[in-house]
N, C-alpha and C. Protein backbone atom coordinates (compact mmCIF):
# COMPACT_ATOMS: atom_id res chain seq x y z
N MET A 1 -42.84 11.95 145.04
CA MET A 1 -42.01 12.31 144.28
C MET A 1 -41.12 11.98 143.39
N THR A 2 -41.28 11.19 142.49
CA THR A 2 -40.05 11.07 141.40
C THR A 2 -39.97 12.41 140.58
N LYS A 3 -38.64 12.53 140.29
CA LYS A 3 -37.85 12.99 139.38
C LYS A 3 -38.42 13.73 138.33
N SER A 4 -39.20 12.78 137.44
CA SER A 4 -39.97 13.47 136.33
C SER A 4 -41.14 14.43 137.21
N GLU A 5 -41.47 14.27 138.00
CA GLU A 5 -42.97 14.53 138.83
C GLU A 5 -42.02 16.11 138.95
N LEU A 6 -41.10 16.57 139.62
CA LEU A 6 -40.44 17.10 140.52
C LEU A 6 -40.06 18.09 138.71
N MET A 7 -39.58 17.82 137.96
CA MET A 7 -39.38 18.46 136.71
C MET A 7 -40.72 19.16 136.37
N ALA A 8 -41.75 18.09 136.52
CA ALA A 8 -42.97 19.18 135.59
C ALA A 8 -43.71 19.85 136.91
N GLU A 9 -43.59 20.14 137.91
CA GLU A 9 -44.00 20.93 139.04
C GLU A 9 -42.90 22.21 138.81
N LEU A 10 -41.47 22.08 138.80
CA LEU A 10 -40.87 23.28 138.72
C LEU A 10 -41.45 23.86 137.01
N ALA A 11 -41.60 22.96 136.27
CA ALA A 11 -41.65 23.64 134.33
C ALA A 11 -43.53 24.21 134.62
N ALA A 12 -44.01 23.80 135.63
CA ALA A 12 -45.14 24.26 135.54
C ALA A 12 -44.96 25.68 136.22
N ALA A 13 -44.28 25.95 137.23
CA ALA A 13 -44.23 27.05 138.74
C ALA A 13 -43.35 28.36 137.76
N ASN A 14 -42.19 28.09 136.47
CA ASN A 14 -41.52 28.61 136.23
C ASN A 14 -41.84 28.20 134.62
N PRO A 15 -43.31 29.29 133.46
CA PRO A 15 -43.34 29.04 132.48
C PRO A 15 -42.34 29.51 131.51
N HIS A 16 -41.39 30.36 132.44
CA HIS A 16 -40.77 31.15 131.37
C HIS A 16 -39.38 30.05 131.26
N LEU A 17 -39.30 29.10 131.55
CA LEU A 17 -37.84 28.32 131.90
C LEU A 17 -38.82 27.02 130.84
N THR A 18 -37.84 26.35 129.65
CA THR A 18 -38.25 25.49 128.64
C THR A 18 -38.00 24.15 129.35
N ALA A 19 -38.91 23.34 128.98
CA ALA A 19 -38.85 21.61 129.83
C ALA A 19 -37.00 21.29 129.83
N ARG A 20 -36.49 21.27 128.57
CA ARG A 20 -35.28 20.55 128.59
C ARG A 20 -34.24 21.68 129.62
N ASP A 21 -34.43 23.34 129.59
CA ASP A 21 -34.13 23.91 130.70
C ASP A 21 -34.22 23.33 132.48
N VAL A 22 -35.35 22.86 132.81
CA VAL A 22 -35.58 22.81 133.86
C VAL A 22 -34.77 21.16 134.16
N GLU A 23 -35.15 20.25 132.93
CA GLU A 23 -34.47 19.28 133.27
C GLU A 23 -33.00 19.04 133.97
N LEU A 24 -31.89 20.13 132.74
CA LEU A 24 -30.57 20.64 133.00
C LEU A 24 -30.72 21.11 134.36
N ILE A 25 -31.81 21.87 135.08
CA ILE A 25 -31.31 22.51 136.59
C ILE A 25 -31.02 21.46 137.79
N VAL A 26 -31.91 20.49 137.22
CA VAL A 26 -32.73 19.78 138.28
C VAL A 26 -31.63 18.06 138.53
N ALA A 27 -30.66 18.14 137.17
CA ALA A 27 -29.87 17.38 136.69
C ALA A 27 -28.81 18.03 137.23
N THR A 28 -28.49 18.94 137.16
CA THR A 28 -27.14 19.37 137.73
C THR A 28 -26.89 19.72 139.54
N VAL A 29 -27.82 20.15 139.77
CA VAL A 29 -27.91 20.24 140.87
C VAL A 29 -27.78 18.71 142.44
N PHE A 30 -28.48 17.47 140.99
CA PHE A 30 -28.36 16.04 141.69
C PHE A 30 -27.05 15.80 141.63
N ASP A 31 -26.56 16.26 139.95
CA ASP A 31 -24.71 15.61 140.19
C ASP A 31 -23.90 16.35 140.92
N GLU A 32 -24.28 17.42 141.27
CA GLU A 32 -23.64 18.50 141.87
C GLU A 32 -23.51 17.71 143.53
N ILE A 33 -24.67 17.20 143.95
CA ILE A 33 -24.80 17.02 145.36
C ILE A 33 -24.25 15.52 145.43
N THR A 34 -24.04 14.83 144.01
CA THR A 34 -23.55 13.29 144.34
C THR A 34 -22.15 13.89 144.19
N GLY A 35 -21.46 14.43 143.80
CA GLY A 35 -20.20 14.45 143.37
C GLY A 35 -19.76 14.93 144.64
N ALA A 36 -19.61 15.74 145.30
CA ALA A 36 -19.98 16.29 146.57
C ALA A 36 -19.57 14.99 147.87
N LEU A 37 -20.70 14.41 147.52
CA LEU A 37 -20.45 13.20 148.30
C LEU A 37 -19.58 11.90 148.16
N ALA A 38 -19.26 11.99 146.61
CA ALA A 38 -18.44 11.05 146.23
C ALA A 38 -16.73 11.39 146.56
N ARG A 39 -16.82 13.08 146.96
CA ARG A 39 -15.31 13.13 147.55
C ARG A 39 -15.08 13.75 148.81
N GLY A 40 -16.22 13.15 149.56
CA GLY A 40 -15.70 12.90 150.99
C GLY A 40 -16.90 14.12 151.68
N GLU A 41 -17.28 14.99 150.90
CA GLU A 41 -18.10 16.56 151.42
C GLU A 41 -18.81 16.46 151.77
N ARG A 42 -19.40 16.91 152.59
CA ARG A 42 -20.48 17.29 153.53
C ARG A 42 -21.76 18.38 152.48
N VAL A 43 -22.97 18.28 152.26
CA VAL A 43 -23.91 19.00 151.37
C VAL A 43 -24.79 19.65 152.46
N GLU A 44 -25.08 21.06 152.74
CA GLU A 44 -25.76 21.43 153.89
C GLU A 44 -26.59 22.42 152.99
N LEU A 45 -28.52 22.13 153.23
CA LEU A 45 -29.22 23.55 151.98
C LEU A 45 -29.79 23.80 153.11
N ARG A 46 -29.61 24.56 153.49
CA ARG A 46 -29.90 25.17 154.71
C ARG A 46 -31.62 25.28 154.79
N GLY A 47 -32.73 24.48 156.02
CA GLY A 47 -34.15 24.56 155.73
C GLY A 47 -34.41 23.36 155.27
N PHE A 48 -33.44 22.78 154.55
CA PHE A 48 -33.94 21.83 154.22
C PHE A 48 -33.35 20.39 154.81
N GLY A 49 -32.13 20.21 154.89
CA GLY A 49 -31.30 19.70 155.74
C GLY A 49 -30.01 19.12 154.96
N ALA A 50 -29.30 18.26 155.73
CA ALA A 50 -27.50 17.89 155.76
C ALA A 50 -27.26 16.23 154.73
N PHE A 51 -26.97 16.12 153.41
CA PHE A 51 -26.32 14.96 153.40
C PHE A 51 -24.69 14.58 153.84
N THR A 52 -24.43 13.81 153.78
CA THR A 52 -23.25 12.93 154.61
C THR A 52 -23.20 11.86 154.09
N VAL A 53 -21.60 11.34 153.85
CA VAL A 53 -20.96 10.01 153.73
C VAL A 53 -20.78 9.34 155.24
N LYS A 54 -21.74 8.19 155.54
CA LYS A 54 -20.91 7.46 156.65
C LYS A 54 -20.40 6.47 156.25
N ARG A 55 -19.83 6.19 157.00
CA ARG A 55 -18.62 4.92 156.85
C ARG A 55 -19.14 3.62 157.67
N ARG A 56 -18.92 2.26 156.92
CA ARG A 56 -19.74 0.94 157.46
C ARG A 56 -18.56 0.03 157.45
N SER A 57 -17.95 0.00 158.58
CA SER A 57 -16.74 -1.09 158.51
C SER A 57 -17.14 -2.53 157.91
N ALA A 58 -16.18 -2.78 157.80
CA ALA A 58 -16.32 -4.84 157.48
C ALA A 58 -16.80 -5.51 158.18
N ARG A 59 -17.71 -6.51 158.23
CA ARG A 59 -18.30 -7.58 159.19
C ARG A 59 -18.52 -8.68 158.94
N THR A 60 -18.96 -9.41 159.87
CA THR A 60 -19.02 -11.15 158.69
C THR A 60 -20.82 -10.92 158.44
N GLY A 61 -21.12 -11.34 157.56
CA GLY A 61 -23.02 -11.16 157.08
C GLY A 61 -23.08 -12.56 157.19
N ARG A 62 -24.63 -13.01 156.81
CA ARG A 62 -24.98 -14.10 156.71
C ARG A 62 -26.01 -13.84 155.54
N ASN A 63 -25.70 -15.11 155.09
CA ASN A 63 -26.78 -15.32 153.56
C ASN A 63 -28.20 -15.69 153.99
N PRO A 64 -29.47 -15.18 153.96
CA PRO A 64 -30.50 -15.73 154.23
C PRO A 64 -30.93 -16.85 154.10
N ARG A 65 -30.92 -16.89 152.57
CA ARG A 65 -31.21 -18.19 152.23
C ARG A 65 -30.24 -19.58 152.65
N THR A 66 -29.10 -19.14 152.59
CA THR A 66 -28.72 -20.75 153.11
C THR A 66 -27.47 -20.76 154.43
N GLY A 67 -28.23 -19.58 154.96
CA GLY A 67 -27.64 -19.48 156.22
C GLY A 67 -25.87 -19.62 156.42
N GLU A 68 -25.03 -19.32 155.41
CA GLU A 68 -23.77 -19.29 155.30
C GLU A 68 -23.50 -18.24 155.34
N THR A 69 -22.20 -17.60 156.36
CA THR A 69 -21.80 -16.65 156.78
C THR A 69 -20.82 -16.02 155.33
N VAL A 70 -21.04 -15.05 155.33
CA VAL A 70 -19.94 -14.14 154.07
C VAL A 70 -19.41 -12.74 154.52
N PRO A 71 -18.38 -12.71 153.99
CA PRO A 71 -17.50 -11.49 154.66
C PRO A 71 -18.17 -9.84 153.75
N VAL A 72 -18.73 -9.03 154.46
CA VAL A 72 -18.72 -7.63 153.88
C VAL A 72 -18.05 -6.79 154.43
N GLU A 73 -17.80 -6.55 152.96
CA GLU A 73 -16.75 -5.42 153.03
C GLU A 73 -16.78 -4.09 153.41
N GLU A 74 -16.02 -3.30 153.80
CA GLU A 74 -16.04 -2.11 154.31
C GLU A 74 -16.95 -1.28 153.19
N LYS A 75 -17.74 -0.25 153.35
CA LYS A 75 -18.41 0.37 152.60
C LYS A 75 -18.74 1.34 152.76
N ALA A 76 -19.01 2.65 151.74
CA ALA A 76 -19.78 4.05 152.17
C ALA A 76 -20.94 4.29 151.87
N VAL A 77 -21.76 4.91 152.51
CA VAL A 77 -23.32 5.45 152.01
C VAL A 77 -23.67 6.22 152.82
N PRO A 78 -24.37 7.15 151.96
CA PRO A 78 -25.24 8.33 151.88
C PRO A 78 -26.03 8.85 153.38
N PHE A 79 -26.46 9.38 153.93
CA PHE A 79 -26.98 9.14 155.26
C PHE A 79 -27.73 11.37 154.89
N PHE A 80 -29.24 11.33 154.80
CA PHE A 80 -29.51 12.38 155.03
C PHE A 80 -30.32 13.05 156.67
N LYS A 81 -29.58 14.14 157.15
CA LYS A 81 -30.62 14.29 158.05
C LYS A 81 -31.22 15.70 158.18
N ALA A 82 -32.56 15.46 158.32
CA ALA A 82 -33.43 16.61 157.90
C ALA A 82 -33.40 17.76 159.44
N GLY A 83 -33.09 18.78 158.01
CA GLY A 83 -33.28 20.46 159.20
C GLY A 83 -34.36 20.49 159.53
N LYS A 84 -34.26 21.38 161.00
CA LYS A 84 -35.36 21.95 161.82
C LYS A 84 -36.57 22.32 160.66
N GLU A 85 -36.30 23.03 159.42
CA GLU A 85 -37.31 23.69 159.70
C GLU A 85 -38.16 22.59 158.68
N LEU A 86 -37.94 21.77 157.53
CA LEU A 86 -38.15 20.39 157.54
C LEU A 86 -38.92 19.93 158.07
N ARG A 87 -38.51 19.74 159.49
CA ARG A 87 -38.59 18.69 160.01
C ARG A 87 -40.34 19.11 160.70
N GLU A 88 -40.37 20.35 161.20
CA GLU A 88 -41.65 21.28 161.33
C GLU A 88 -42.74 21.08 160.36
N ARG A 89 -42.26 21.38 159.04
CA ARG A 89 -43.09 21.46 157.79
C ARG A 89 -43.76 20.65 157.97
N VAL A 90 -43.05 18.94 157.76
CA VAL A 90 -43.95 17.83 157.66
C VAL A 90 -44.92 17.36 158.78
N ASN A 91 -44.18 18.24 159.77
CA ASN A 91 -45.06 17.71 161.16
C ASN A 91 -46.55 18.56 161.17
N LYS A 92 -46.27 19.73 160.32
CA LYS A 92 -47.62 20.69 160.95
C LYS A 92 -48.25 19.98 159.66
N GLY A 93 -47.90 19.78 158.79
CA GLY A 93 -48.56 19.04 156.99
C GLY A 93 -49.52 17.57 158.10
N LYS A 94 -48.71 17.08 158.48
CA LYS A 94 -49.50 15.71 159.95
C LYS A 94 -50.56 16.08 160.08
N ALA A 95 -50.25 17.56 161.26
CA ALA A 95 -51.22 17.32 161.47
C ALA A 95 -52.41 18.51 161.09
N ALA A 96 -52.65 18.69 159.56
CA ALA A 96 -53.25 19.57 159.17
C ALA A 96 -54.60 18.35 158.29
N ARG A 97 -53.52 17.03 158.54
CA ARG A 97 -54.74 15.94 157.86
C ARG A 97 -55.75 15.32 158.64
């Protein structure tokens, strides 16, 4: 599902909201999650999952085209761990197919 598909479904489920309102709500939620992760905070959505930031230490990588070794700097990457309820709902959906 894309962001625009999400907004279309939310607008259809909530006809009292305008498309602009739905777009603002979705953008605000994503911006808040992004901002919290940028500050190094954990974002937990009960029943859905948790977003955290993991650090990847510096290492020596390899250019696949030339085979040359290149230094890869330390970096932070977002990480998502699905919650129990989400995992159960996804697995029930698989069994129903």
